[in-house]
Amino acid sequence: MLKIGSVRWKGRCSRHSGYYPELDGRAGIKGGCRRCEMLFEIWDHHQNMVRLMREFGLPKETGGDLAPVEERQLSLLD
């Protein structure tokens, strides 16, 4: 089992604060800025990870280790 927690991270290039990888893409990187390149790579890897997790599916969809719940409580009125 792999557990991945929620991570909230805000990254921004100090020289190009208006660069937004999702909107600007790789073509929006000015002058080959290394920090903008790293920001784009982080965003790209995040998108790939989310896509792979969705393809893999949830335990319910993949028939994971969850056993069906049985009705164990007996009726008090019968």
N, C-alpha and C. Protein backbone atom coordinates (compact mmCIF):
# COMPACT_ATOMS: atom_id res chain seq x y z
N MET A 1 0.85 -1.18 0.00
CA MET A 1 0.00 0.00 0.00
C MET A 1 0.89 1.23 0.00
N LEU A 2 0.51 2.20 -0.77
CA LEU A 2 1.23 3.47 -0.85
C LEU A 2 0.32 4.56 -0.32
N LYS A 3 0.80 5.31 0.65
CA LYS A 3 0.01 6.41 1.19
C LYS A 3 0.64 7.72 0.74
N ILE A 4 -0.16 8.55 0.11
CA ILE A 4 0.29 9.86 -0.33
C ILE A 4 -0.59 10.90 0.34
N GLY A 5 0.01 11.74 1.15
CA GLY A 5 -0.74 12.76 1.86
C GLY A 5 -0.89 14.03 1.03
N SER A 6 -1.76 14.86 1.47
CA SER A 6 -1.96 16.14 0.80
C SER A 6 -0.82 17.08 1.14
N VAL A 7 -0.26 17.66 0.13
CA VAL A 7 0.82 18.62 0.32
C VAL A 7 0.40 19.91 -0.34
N ARG A 8 0.42 20.96 0.41
CA ARG A 8 0.10 22.28 -0.14
C ARG A 8 1.41 23.01 -0.32
N TRP A 9 1.70 23.40 -1.55
CA TRP A 9 2.99 24.01 -1.86
C TRP A 9 2.76 25.15 -2.82
N LYS A 10 3.37 26.27 -2.54
CA LYS A 10 3.29 27.42 -3.44
C LYS A 10 4.70 27.76 -3.87
N GLY A 11 4.95 27.69 -5.16
CA GLY A 11 6.26 28.00 -5.69
C GLY A 11 6.15 29.09 -6.73
N ARG A 12 7.12 29.96 -6.75
CA ARG A 12 7.11 31.05 -7.70
C ARG A 12 8.55 31.46 -7.99
N CYS A 13 8.81 31.83 -9.22
CA CYS A 13 10.14 32.30 -9.59
C CYS A 13 10.30 33.73 -9.08
N SER A 14 11.44 34.00 -8.46
CA SER A 14 11.67 35.33 -7.91
C SER A 14 11.89 36.37 -9.01
N ARG A 15 12.40 35.94 -10.15
CA ARG A 15 12.64 36.89 -11.25
C ARG A 15 11.42 37.05 -12.16
N HIS A 16 10.62 35.99 -12.30
CA HIS A 16 9.46 36.03 -13.20
C HIS A 16 8.22 35.63 -12.41
N SER A 17 7.77 36.51 -11.57
CA SER A 17 6.65 36.18 -10.67
C SER A 17 5.33 35.99 -11.41
N GLY A 18 5.25 36.44 -12.65
CA GLY A 18 4.02 36.28 -13.42
C GLY A 18 3.95 34.98 -14.20
N TYR A 19 4.99 34.15 -14.12
CA TYR A 19 5.00 32.88 -14.84
C TYR A 19 4.12 31.88 -14.13
N TYR A 20 3.16 31.32 -14.88
CA TYR A 20 2.23 30.33 -14.35
C TYR A 20 2.27 29.12 -15.29
N PRO A 21 2.87 28.00 -14.86
CA PRO A 21 3.12 26.87 -15.75
C PRO A 21 1.88 26.34 -16.46
N GLU A 22 0.75 26.30 -15.77
CA GLU A 22 -0.46 25.74 -16.37
C GLU A 22 -0.92 26.58 -17.56
N LEU A 23 -0.82 27.88 -17.45
CA LEU A 23 -1.27 28.76 -18.53
C LEU A 23 -0.18 29.04 -19.56
N ASP A 24 1.04 29.28 -19.09
CA ASP A 24 2.11 29.70 -19.99
C ASP A 24 2.85 28.54 -20.64
N GLY A 25 2.89 27.40 -19.97
CA GLY A 25 3.59 26.24 -20.50
C GLY A 25 5.09 26.47 -20.58
N ARG A 26 5.75 25.57 -21.28
CA ARG A 26 7.21 25.67 -21.42
C ARG A 26 7.60 26.86 -22.28
N ALA A 27 6.74 27.23 -23.23
CA ALA A 27 7.04 28.36 -24.12
C ALA A 27 7.05 29.70 -23.39
N GLY A 28 6.43 29.77 -22.23
CA GLY A 28 6.38 31.02 -21.48
C GLY A 28 7.61 31.29 -20.64
N ILE A 29 8.57 30.37 -20.66
CA ILE A 29 9.80 30.56 -19.87
C ILE A 29 10.71 31.53 -20.60
N LYS A 30 11.08 32.58 -19.91
CA LYS A 30 11.89 33.64 -20.53
C LYS A 30 13.38 33.43 -20.26
N GLY A 31 14.17 33.48 -21.31
CA GLY A 31 15.62 33.44 -21.18
C GLY A 31 16.18 32.15 -20.59
N GLY A 32 15.44 31.06 -20.69
CA GLY A 32 15.93 29.79 -20.15
C GLY A 32 16.10 29.80 -18.64
N CYS A 33 15.25 30.52 -17.95
CA CYS A 33 15.33 30.64 -16.48
C CYS A 33 15.22 29.26 -15.83
N ARG A 34 16.21 28.90 -15.03
CA ARG A 34 16.26 27.58 -14.40
C ARG A 34 15.14 27.40 -13.37
N ARG A 35 14.81 28.46 -12.63
CA ARG A 35 13.73 28.33 -11.63
C ARG A 35 12.38 28.13 -12.31
N CYS A 36 12.14 28.82 -13.42
CA CYS A 36 10.90 28.62 -14.16
C CYS A 36 10.84 27.21 -14.75
N GLU A 37 12.00 26.71 -15.22
CA GLU A 37 12.08 25.34 -15.74
C GLU A 37 11.72 24.34 -14.64
N MET A 38 12.27 24.54 -13.45
CA MET A 38 11.98 23.64 -12.33
C MET A 38 10.51 23.72 -11.94
N LEU A 39 9.95 24.91 -11.95
CA LEU A 39 8.54 25.08 -11.63
C LEU A 39 7.66 24.34 -12.64
N PHE A 40 8.03 24.43 -13.92
CA PHE A 40 7.28 23.71 -14.95
C PHE A 40 7.40 22.20 -14.75
N GLU A 41 8.60 21.72 -14.44
CA GLU A 41 8.81 20.28 -14.23
C GLU A 41 8.00 19.78 -13.04
N ILE A 42 7.95 20.54 -11.96
CA ILE A 42 7.15 20.16 -10.79
C ILE A 42 5.69 20.07 -11.18
N TRP A 43 5.20 21.05 -11.91
CA TRP A 43 3.80 21.05 -12.33
C TRP A 43 3.52 19.87 -13.26
N ASP A 44 4.43 19.61 -14.20
CA ASP A 44 4.24 18.52 -15.16
C ASP A 44 4.23 17.17 -14.46
N HIS A 45 5.13 16.95 -13.52
CA HIS A 45 5.16 15.69 -12.78
C HIS A 45 3.91 15.53 -11.92
N HIS A 46 3.43 16.62 -11.36
CA HIS A 46 2.19 16.56 -10.58
C HIS A 46 1.01 16.13 -11.46
N GLN A 47 0.92 16.71 -12.66
CA GLN A 47 -0.16 16.34 -13.58
C GLN A 47 -0.08 14.87 -13.95
N ASN A 48 1.12 14.37 -14.21
CA ASN A 48 1.30 12.95 -14.54
C ASN A 48 0.92 12.05 -13.37
N MET A 49 1.29 12.44 -12.15
CA MET A 49 0.96 11.65 -10.98
C MET A 49 -0.55 11.57 -10.78
N VAL A 50 -1.24 12.68 -10.93
CA VAL A 50 -2.69 12.69 -10.77
C VAL A 50 -3.34 11.83 -11.84
N ARG A 51 -2.86 11.91 -13.08
CA ARG A 51 -3.41 11.10 -14.17
C ARG A 51 -3.21 9.61 -13.88
N LEU A 52 -2.02 9.22 -13.43
CA LEU A 52 -1.75 7.82 -13.12
C LEU A 52 -2.61 7.31 -11.97
N MET A 53 -2.81 8.14 -10.95
CA MET A 53 -3.66 7.72 -9.83
C MET A 53 -5.09 7.52 -10.29
N ARG A 54 -5.57 8.36 -11.19
CA ARG A 54 -6.94 8.20 -11.70
C ARG A 54 -7.05 6.97 -12.58
N GLU A 55 -6.02 6.68 -13.37
CA GLU A 55 -6.03 5.47 -14.19
C GLU A 55 -6.02 4.22 -13.32
N PHE A 56 -5.26 4.25 -12.25
CA PHE A 56 -5.16 3.11 -11.35
C PHE A 56 -6.50 2.85 -10.69
N GLY A 57 -7.21 3.91 -10.34
CA GLY A 57 -8.55 3.78 -9.78
C GLY A 57 -8.57 3.69 -8.27
N LEU A 58 -9.75 3.78 -7.75
CA LEU A 58 -9.99 3.67 -6.31
C LEU A 58 -10.15 2.20 -5.93
N PRO A 59 -10.00 1.84 -4.65
CA PRO A 59 -10.17 0.44 -4.25
C PRO A 59 -11.52 -0.14 -4.64
N LYS A 60 -12.57 0.65 -4.62
CA LYS A 60 -13.90 0.15 -5.00
C LYS A 60 -13.92 -0.25 -6.47
N GLU A 61 -13.27 0.55 -7.31
CA GLU A 61 -13.26 0.28 -8.75
C GLU A 61 -12.38 -0.90 -9.11
N THR A 62 -11.29 -1.10 -8.40
CA THR A 62 -10.35 -2.16 -8.74
C THR A 62 -10.62 -3.45 -7.99
N GLY A 63 -11.66 -3.46 -7.15
CA GLY A 63 -11.97 -4.65 -6.38
C GLY A 63 -10.99 -4.87 -5.25
N GLY A 64 -10.51 -3.80 -4.68
CA GLY A 64 -9.49 -3.80 -3.62
C GLY A 64 -9.75 -4.78 -2.50
N ASP A 65 -9.17 -4.56 -1.36
CA ASP A 65 -9.21 -5.49 -0.23
C ASP A 65 -10.46 -5.34 0.63
N LEU A 66 -11.40 -4.53 0.22
CA LEU A 66 -12.58 -4.30 1.04
C LEU A 66 -13.57 -5.46 0.89
N ALA A 67 -13.92 -6.09 2.00
CA ALA A 67 -14.89 -7.19 1.98
C ALA A 67 -16.29 -6.62 2.09
N PRO A 68 -17.28 -7.29 1.49
CA PRO A 68 -18.65 -6.79 1.60
C PRO A 68 -19.14 -6.84 3.05
N VAL A 69 -19.94 -5.87 3.41
CA VAL A 69 -20.46 -5.77 4.77
C VAL A 69 -21.69 -6.66 4.89
N GLU A 70 -21.71 -7.49 5.92
CA GLU A 70 -22.85 -8.39 6.14
C GLU A 70 -23.82 -7.74 7.12
N GLU A 71 -25.08 -8.07 6.94
CA GLU A 71 -26.10 -7.62 7.89
C GLU A 71 -26.06 -8.57 9.09
N ARG A 72 -25.48 -8.15 10.19
CA ARG A 72 -25.31 -9.03 11.34
C ARG A 72 -26.31 -8.76 12.46
N GLN A 73 -26.95 -7.62 12.44
CA GLN A 73 -27.86 -7.31 13.53
C GLN A 73 -29.19 -8.02 13.29
N LEU A 74 -29.63 -8.76 14.29
CA LEU A 74 -30.90 -9.46 14.20
C LEU A 74 -32.04 -8.51 14.54
N SER A 75 -33.16 -8.75 13.96
CA SER A 75 -34.31 -7.91 14.23
C SER A 75 -34.83 -8.19 15.64
N LEU A 76 -35.16 -7.14 16.36
CA LEU A 76 -35.68 -7.30 17.71
C LEU A 76 -37.17 -7.62 17.71
N LEU A 77 -37.85 -7.41 16.61
CA LEU A 77 -39.29 -7.59 16.56
C LEU A 77 -39.70 -8.94 16.02
N ASP A 78 -38.81 -9.71 15.45
CA ASP A 78 -39.17 -11.02 14.88
C ASP A 78 -39.12 -12.11 15.91
